[in-house]
Amino acid sequence: MIKLKTRKAASKRYKITGNQNILRRHAFKGHLLRKKSNNQKRKLSQTILVSTNDSKPIKLMLPY
């Protein structure tokens, strides 16, 4: 049987928790941070769960 390979781009962006949930980072935290408030930047720093519709293709990209 062929060895399954992990998509490296997906492994850098997503983390799988113990309950098989997938965590991701928020967007809009890369640049142009002077105009954003401290409250907005703090909320963008937190990780959140991926929606259930998006989790199936991500799990195929991360077999292990």
PDB file of N, CA and C in Angstrom:
ATOM      1  N   MET A   1       0.834  -1.186   0.000  1.00  0.00           N
ATOM      2  CA  MET A   1       0.000   0.000   0.000  1.00  0.00           C
ATOM      3  C   MET A   1       0.876   1.246   0.000  1.00  0.00           C
ATOM      4  N   ILE A   2       0.399   2.294  -0.633  1.00  0.00           N
ATOM      5  CA  ILE A   2       1.166   3.526  -0.752  1.00  0.00           C
ATOM      6  C   ILE A   2       1.194   4.247   0.588  1.00  0.00           C
ATOM      7  N   LYS A   3       2.356   4.801   0.902  1.00  0.00           N
ATOM      8  CA  LYS A   3       2.474   5.576   2.132  1.00  0.00           C
ATOM      9  C   LYS A   3       1.722   6.901   1.982  1.00  0.00           C
ATOM     10  N   LEU A   4       0.899   7.241   2.975  1.00  0.00           N
ATOM     11  CA  LEU A   4       0.184   8.514   2.946  1.00  0.00           C
ATOM     12  C   LEU A   4       1.139   9.623   3.345  1.00  0.00           C
ATOM     13  N   LYS A   5       1.080  10.717   2.625  1.00  0.00           N
ATOM     14  CA  LYS A   5       1.952  11.840   2.922  1.00  0.00           C
ATOM     15  C   LYS A   5       1.133  13.008   3.453  1.00  0.00           C
ATOM     16  N   THR A   6       1.727  13.711   4.393  1.00  0.00           N
ATOM     17  CA  THR A   6       1.096  14.881   4.989  1.00  0.00           C
ATOM     18  C   THR A   6       1.360  16.090   4.103  1.00  0.00           C
ATOM     19  N   ARG A   7       0.316  16.899   3.897  1.00  0.00           N
ATOM     20  CA  ARG A   7       0.519  18.167   3.195  1.00  0.00           C
ATOM     21  C   ARG A   7       1.215  19.124   4.149  1.00  0.00           C
ATOM     22  N   LYS A   8       2.416  19.520   3.808  1.00  0.00           N
ATOM     23  CA  LYS A   8       3.222  20.333   4.714  1.00  0.00           C
ATOM     24  C   LYS A   8       2.614  21.698   4.964  1.00  0.00           C
ATOM     25  N   ALA A   9       1.955  22.262   3.968  1.00  0.00           N
ATOM     26  CA  ALA A   9       1.314  23.567   4.160  1.00  0.00           C
ATOM     27  C   ALA A   9       0.202  23.468   5.197  1.00  0.00           C
ATOM     28  N   ALA A  10      -0.541  22.370   5.171  1.00  0.00           N
ATOM     29  CA  ALA A  10      -1.620  22.189   6.143  1.00  0.00           C
ATOM     30  C   ALA A  10      -1.066  21.921   7.528  1.00  0.00           C
ATOM     31  N   SER A  11       0.038  21.189   7.623  1.00  0.00           N
ATOM     32  CA  SER A  11       0.590  20.882   8.939  1.00  0.00           C
ATOM     33  C   SER A  11       1.144  22.128   9.626  1.00  0.00           C
ATOM     34  N   LYS A  12       1.537  23.133   8.835  1.00  0.00           N
ATOM     35  CA  LYS A  12       2.027  24.372   9.426  1.00  0.00           C
ATOM     36  C   LYS A  12       0.891  25.280   9.876  1.00  0.00           C
ATOM     37  N   ARG A  13      -0.299  25.114   9.293  1.00  0.00           N
ATOM     38  CA  ARG A  13      -1.408  26.025   9.572  1.00  0.00           C
ATOM     39  C   ARG A  13      -2.400  25.494  10.587  1.00  0.00           C
ATOM     40  N   TYR A  14      -2.510  24.178  10.728  1.00  0.00           N
ATOM     41  CA  TYR A  14      -3.547  23.594  11.564  1.00  0.00           C
ATOM     42  C   TYR A  14      -2.940  22.677  12.596  1.00  0.00           C
ATOM     43  N   LYS A  15      -3.591  22.583  13.766  1.00  0.00           N
ATOM     44  CA  LYS A  15      -3.205  21.664  14.825  1.00  0.00           C
ATOM     45  C   LYS A  15      -4.428  20.852  15.207  1.00  0.00           C
ATOM     46  N   ILE A  16      -4.232  19.564  15.462  1.00  0.00           N
ATOM     47  CA  ILE A  16      -5.328  18.691  15.848  1.00  0.00           C
ATOM     48  C   ILE A  16      -5.268  18.482  17.353  1.00  0.00           C
ATOM     49  N   THR A  17      -6.404  18.680  18.024  1.00  0.00           N
ATOM     50  CA  THR A  17      -6.477  18.519  19.469  1.00  0.00           C
ATOM     51  C   THR A  17      -6.699  17.048  19.809  1.00  0.00           C
ATOM     52  N   GLY A  18      -6.779  16.743  21.093  1.00  0.00           N
ATOM     53  CA  GLY A  18      -6.999  15.378  21.531  1.00  0.00           C
ATOM     54  C   GLY A  18      -8.361  14.842  21.154  1.00  0.00           C
ATOM     55  N   ASN A  19      -9.352  15.719  21.032  1.00  0.00           N
ATOM     56  CA  ASN A  19     -10.701  15.302  20.640  1.00  0.00           C
ATOM     57  C   ASN A  19     -10.906  15.355  19.141  1.00  0.00           C
ATOM     58  N   GLN A  20      -9.815  15.397  18.367  1.00  0.00           N
ATOM     59  CA  GLN A  20      -9.849  15.439  16.908  1.00  0.00           C
ATOM     60  C   GLN A  20     -10.489  16.708  16.361  1.00  0.00           C
ATOM     61  N   ASN A  21     -10.491  17.775  17.146  1.00  0.00           N
ATOM     62  CA  ASN A  21     -10.890  19.075  16.626  1.00  0.00           C
ATOM     63  C   ASN A  21      -9.671  19.730  15.989  1.00  0.00           C
ATOM     64  N   ILE A  22      -9.914  20.645  15.076  1.00  0.00           N
ATOM     65  CA  ILE A  22      -8.818  21.298  14.360  1.00  0.00           C
ATOM     66  C   ILE A  22      -8.785  22.763  14.754  1.00  0.00           C
ATOM     67  N   LEU A  23      -7.605  23.238  15.137  1.00  0.00           N
ATOM     68  CA  LEU A  23      -7.414  24.626  15.527  1.00  0.00           C
ATOM     69  C   LEU A  23      -6.753  25.383  14.397  1.00  0.00           C
ATOM     70  N   ARG A  24      -7.116  26.662  14.280  1.00  0.00           N
ATOM     71  CA  ARG A  24      -6.491  27.530  13.292  1.00  0.00           C
ATOM     72  C   ARG A  24      -6.301  28.908  13.899  1.00  0.00           C
ATOM     73  N   ARG A  25      -5.502  29.738  13.238  1.00  0.00           N
ATOM     74  CA  ARG A  25      -5.293  31.110  13.660  1.00  0.00           C
ATOM     75  C   ARG A  25      -6.273  32.018  12.943  1.00  0.00           C
ATOM     76  N   HIS A  26      -6.443  33.219  13.488  1.00  0.00           N
ATOM     77  CA  HIS A  26      -7.275  34.219  12.838  1.00  0.00           C
ATOM     78  C   HIS A  26      -6.513  34.860  11.677  1.00  0.00           C
ATOM     79  N   ALA A  27      -7.261  35.382  10.733  1.00  0.00           N
ATOM     80  CA  ALA A  27      -6.675  36.162   9.652  1.00  0.00           C
ATOM     81  C   ALA A  27      -6.519  37.622  10.102  1.00  0.00           C
ATOM     82  N   PHE A  28      -5.912  38.437   9.285  1.00  0.00           N
ATOM     83  CA  PHE A  28      -5.757  39.888   9.475  1.00  0.00           C
ATOM     84  C   PHE A  28      -4.845  40.251  10.645  1.00  0.00           C
ATOM     85  N   LYS A  29      -3.865  39.409  10.973  1.00  0.00           N
ATOM     86  CA  LYS A  29      -2.935  39.728  12.052  1.00  0.00           C
ATOM     87  C   LYS A  29      -1.508  39.847  11.521  1.00  0.00           C
ATOM     88  N   GLY A  30      -1.339  39.845  10.199  1.00  0.00           N
ATOM     89  CA  GLY A  30       0.003  39.831   9.637  1.00  0.00           C
ATOM     90  C   GLY A  30       0.641  41.199   9.504  1.00  0.00           C
ATOM     91  N   HIS A  31      -0.129  42.196   9.091  1.00  0.00           N
ATOM     92  CA  HIS A  31       0.437  43.523   8.878  1.00  0.00           C
ATOM     93  C   HIS A  31      -0.674  44.550   9.038  1.00  0.00           C
ATOM     94  N   LEU A  32      -0.305  45.829   8.887  1.00  0.00           N
ATOM     95  CA  LEU A  32      -1.229  46.956   9.085  1.00  0.00           C
ATOM     96  C   LEU A  32      -1.822  46.928  10.493  1.00  0.00           C
ATOM     97  N   LEU A  33      -0.968  46.761  11.477  1.00  0.00           N
ATOM     98  CA  LEU A  33      -1.451  46.595  12.848  1.00  0.00           C
ATOM     99  C   LEU A  33      -1.572  47.919  13.596  1.00  0.00           C
ATOM    100  N   ARG A  34      -1.037  49.011  13.043  1.00  0.00           N
ATOM    101  CA  ARG A  34      -1.116  50.283  13.774  1.00  0.00           C
ATOM    102  C   ARG A  34      -2.533  50.818  13.841  1.00  0.00           C
ATOM    103  N   LYS A  35      -3.318  50.573  12.801  1.00  0.00           N
ATOM    104  CA  LYS A  35      -4.672  51.112  12.777  1.00  0.00           C
ATOM    105  C   LYS A  35      -5.660  50.250  13.560  1.00  0.00           C
ATOM    106  N   LYS A  36      -5.272  49.037  13.928  1.00  0.00           N
ATOM    107  CA  LYS A  36      -6.166  48.151  14.669  1.00  0.00           C
ATOM    108  C   LYS A  36      -6.034  48.414  16.161  1.00  0.00           C
ATOM    109  N   SER A  37      -7.141  48.299  16.857  1.00  0.00           N
ATOM    110  CA  SER A  37      -7.127  48.557  18.296  1.00  0.00           C
ATOM    111  C   SER A  37      -6.465  47.390  19.018  1.00  0.00           C
ATOM    112  N   ASN A  38      -6.053  47.652  20.264  1.00  0.00           N
ATOM    113  CA  ASN A  38      -5.430  46.605  21.066  1.00  0.00           C
ATOM    114  C   ASN A  38      -6.413  45.468  21.331  1.00  0.00           C
ATOM    115  N   ASN A  39      -7.680  45.827  21.513  1.00  0.00           N
ATOM    116  CA  ASN A  39      -8.695  44.812  21.766  1.00  0.00           C
ATOM    117  C   ASN A  39      -8.851  43.890  20.551  1.00  0.00           C
ATOM    118  N   GLN A  40      -8.853  44.467  19.356  1.00  0.00           N
ATOM    119  CA  GLN A  40      -8.984  43.660  18.145  1.00  0.00           C
ATOM    120  C   GLN A  40      -7.765  42.778  17.945  1.00  0.00           C
ATOM    121  N   LYS A  41      -6.565  43.322  18.182  1.00  0.00           N
ATOM    122  CA  LYS A  41      -5.348  42.536  18.001  1.00  0.00           C
ATOM    123  C   LYS A  41      -5.276  41.394  19.003  1.00  0.00           C
ATOM    124  N   ARG A  42      -5.741  41.627  20.207  1.00  0.00           N
ATOM    125  CA  ARG A  42      -5.734  40.573  21.215  1.00  0.00           C
ATOM    126  C   ARG A  42      -6.672  39.442  20.824  1.00  0.00           C
ATOM    127  N   LYS A  43      -7.841  39.775  20.301  1.00  0.00           N
ATOM    128  CA  LYS A  43      -8.788  38.739  19.885  1.00  0.00           C
ATOM    129  C   LYS A  43      -8.293  37.987  18.649  1.00  0.00           C
ATOM    130  N   LEU A  44      -7.575  38.676  17.766  1.00  0.00           N
ATOM    131  CA  LEU A  44      -7.044  38.014  16.588  1.00  0.00           C
ATOM    132  C   LEU A  44      -5.893  37.070  16.922  1.00  0.00           C
ATOM    133  N   SER A  45      -5.274  37.232  18.093  1.00  0.00           N
ATOM    134  CA  SER A  45      -4.165  36.376  18.477  1.00  0.00           C
ATOM    135  C   SER A  45      -4.623  35.005  18.952  1.00  0.00           C
ATOM    136  N   GLN A  46      -5.871  34.857  19.324  1.00  0.00           N
ATOM    137  CA  GLN A  46      -6.361  33.603  19.868  1.00  0.00           C
ATOM    138  C   GLN A  46      -6.612  32.597  18.751  1.00  0.00           C
ATOM    139  N   THR A  47      -6.480  31.322  19.089  1.00  0.00           N
ATOM    140  CA  THR A  47      -6.798  30.276  18.136  1.00  0.00           C
ATOM    141  C   THR A  47      -8.267  29.895  18.270  1.00  0.00           C
ATOM    142  N   ILE A  48      -8.856  29.455  17.163  1.00  0.00           N
ATOM    143  CA  ILE A  48     -10.268  29.077  17.162  1.00  0.00           C
ATOM    144  C   ILE A  48     -10.416  27.744  16.436  1.00  0.00           C
ATOM    145  N   LEU A  49     -11.566  27.135  16.591  1.00  0.00           N
ATOM    146  CA  LEU A  49     -11.846  25.869  15.931  1.00  0.00           C
ATOM    147  C   LEU A  49     -12.242  26.105  14.475  1.00  0.00           C
ATOM    148  N   VAL A  50     -11.838  25.199  13.623  1.00  0.00           N
ATOM    149  CA  VAL A  50     -12.247  25.233  12.226  1.00  0.00           C
ATOM    150  C   VAL A  50     -13.707  24.790  12.149  1.00  0.00           C
ATOM    151  N   SER A  51     -14.465  25.363  11.241  1.00  0.00           N
ATOM    152  CA  SER A  51     -15.866  24.983  11.100  1.00  0.00           C
ATOM    153  C   SER A  51     -15.971  23.535  10.633  1.00  0.00           C
ATOM    154  N   THR A  52     -17.114  22.922  10.910  1.00  0.00           N
ATOM    155  CA  THR A  52     -17.287  21.506  10.580  1.00  0.00           C
ATOM    156  C   THR A  52     -17.284  21.272   9.079  1.00  0.00           C
ATOM    157  N   ASN A  53     -17.713  22.245   8.297  1.00  0.00           N
ATOM    158  CA  ASN A  53     -17.704  22.077   6.839  1.00  0.00           C
ATOM    159  C   ASN A  53     -16.291  22.047   6.279  1.00  0.00           C
ATOM    160  N   ASP A  54     -15.377  22.758   6.915  1.00  0.00           N
ATOM    161  CA  ASP A  54     -14.002  22.813   6.429  1.00  0.00           C
ATOM    162  C   ASP A  54     -13.117  21.731   7.024  1.00  0.00           C
ATOM    163  N   SER A  55     -13.588  21.027   8.040  1.00  0.00           N
ATOM    164  CA  SER A  55     -12.709  20.095   8.741  1.00  0.00           C
ATOM    165  C   SER A  55     -12.467  18.805   7.958  1.00  0.00           C
ATOM    166  N   LYS A  56     -13.417  18.373   7.129  1.00  0.00           N
ATOM    167  CA  LYS A  56     -13.222  17.111   6.397  1.00  0.00           C
ATOM    168  C   LYS A  56     -12.046  17.170   5.424  1.00  0.00           C
ATOM    169  N   PRO A  57     -11.943  18.209   4.559  1.00  0.00           N
ATOM    170  CA  PRO A  57     -10.759  18.228   3.679  1.00  0.00           C
ATOM    171  C   PRO A  57      -9.453  18.419   4.421  1.00  0.00           C
ATOM    172  N   ILE A  58      -9.492  19.103   5.548  1.00  0.00           N
ATOM    173  CA  ILE A  58      -8.255  19.305   6.308  1.00  0.00           C
ATOM    174  C   ILE A  58      -7.806  17.986   6.924  1.00  0.00           C
ATOM    175  N   LYS A  59      -8.742  17.183   7.399  1.00  0.00           N
ATOM    176  CA  LYS A  59      -8.374  15.884   7.961  1.00  0.00           C
ATOM    177  C   LYS A  59      -7.788  14.958   6.893  1.00  0.00           C
ATOM    178  N   LEU A  60      -8.211  15.098   5.658  1.00  0.00           N
ATOM    179  CA  LEU A  60      -7.599  14.312   4.589  1.00  0.00           C
ATOM    180  C   LEU A  60      -6.169  14.769   4.315  1.00  0.00           C
ATOM    181  N   MET A  61      -5.888  16.048   4.522  1.00  0.00           N
ATOM    182  CA  MET A  61      -4.545  16.558   4.309  1.00  0.00           C
ATOM    183  C   MET A  61      -3.597  16.191   5.446  1.00  0.00           C
ATOM    184  N   LEU A  62      -4.145  15.887   6.620  1.00  0.00           N
ATOM    185  CA  LEU A  62      -3.337  15.550   7.792  1.00  0.00           C
ATOM    186  C   LEU A  62      -3.664  14.112   8.224  1.00  0.00           C
ATOM    187  N   PRO A  63      -3.123  13.094   7.546  1.00  0.00           N
ATOM    188  CA  PRO A  63      -3.514  11.725   7.878  1.00  0.00           C
ATOM    189  C   PRO A  63      -2.967  11.239   9.214  1.00  0.00           C
ATOM    190  N   TYR A  64      -1.881  11.815   9.716  1.00  0.00           N
ATOM    191  CA  TYR A  64      -1.265  11.302  10.948  1.00  0.00           C
ATOM    192  C   TYR A  64      -1.327  12.329  12.050  1.00  0.00           C
TER     193      TYR A  64
END
